[in-house]
Amino acid sequence: MAYKISSDCVSCGACAPNCPVEAISQGETQYEIDAAKCIDCGSCSEVCPMSAISQ
């Protein structure tokens, strides 16, 4: 199950560089995770200062 970014995201960008498969990109209003690319490693969730990323 891919990780998801909630509406608590403030688009700080902390998560994107930590994704080993580049599944995170800036969306229209916040960062988004491409579920097809996500490998469920949790690297993004560990660095999110808003705790906006969960599985």
Protein backbone atom coordinates (compact mmCIF):
# COMPACT_ATOMS: atom_id res chain seq x y z
CA MET A 1 0.00 0.00 0.00
CA ALA A 2 1.50 3.31 -1.10
CA TYR A 3 2.06 6.19 1.28
CA LYS A 4 -0.25 9.20 0.99
CA ILE A 5 0.17 12.88 1.78
CA SER A 6 -2.70 14.48 3.68
CA SER A 7 -4.02 18.03 3.46
CA ASP A 8 -1.76 18.86 6.42
CA CYS A 9 1.09 19.19 3.88
CA VAL A 10 2.55 22.72 3.78
CA SER A 11 4.66 22.05 0.66
CA CYS A 12 7.96 22.46 2.49
CA GLY A 13 9.65 19.95 0.19
CA ALA A 14 11.39 17.93 2.90
CA CYS A 15 9.97 14.64 1.63
CA ALA A 16 10.80 14.73 -2.09
CA PRO A 17 14.63 14.49 -1.88
CA ASN A 18 14.33 11.55 0.52
CA CYS A 19 12.32 9.37 -1.87
CA PRO A 20 14.67 6.79 -3.42
CA VAL A 21 12.39 6.21 -6.42
CA GLU A 22 11.39 9.85 -7.07
CA ALA A 23 7.68 9.12 -6.48
CA ILE A 24 7.02 12.52 -4.86
CA SER A 25 6.35 15.70 -6.82
CA GLN A 26 4.75 19.09 -6.28
CA GLY A 27 1.05 19.02 -7.11
CA GLU A 28 -1.32 21.94 -7.56
CA THR A 29 -1.76 22.66 -3.86
CA GLN A 30 0.65 20.27 -2.08
CA TYR A 31 3.15 17.50 -2.69
CA GLU A 32 1.79 14.22 -4.06
CA ILE A 33 2.99 10.61 -4.10
CA ASP A 34 2.71 8.54 -7.27
CA ALA A 35 1.24 5.29 -5.92
CA ALA A 36 2.54 3.33 -8.92
CA LYS A 37 6.15 4.33 -8.10
CA CYS A 38 5.98 4.21 -4.29
CA ILE A 39 7.86 1.23 -2.81
CA ASP A 40 6.46 1.67 0.72
CA CYS A 41 9.83 2.39 2.31
CA GLY A 42 8.59 5.21 4.57
CA SER A 43 11.58 7.50 4.02
CA CYS A 44 9.26 10.40 3.25
CA SER A 45 7.15 9.87 6.36
CA GLU A 46 10.21 9.93 8.62
CA VAL A 47 11.27 13.42 7.50
CA CYS A 48 7.89 15.15 7.21
CA PRO A 49 7.80 17.92 9.86
CA MET A 50 4.00 18.08 9.68
CA SER A 51 3.42 14.31 10.03
CA ALA A 52 1.31 14.65 6.87
CA ILE A 53 2.49 11.37 5.31
CA SER A 54 1.02 8.03 6.26
CA GLN A 55 0.36 4.62 4.82
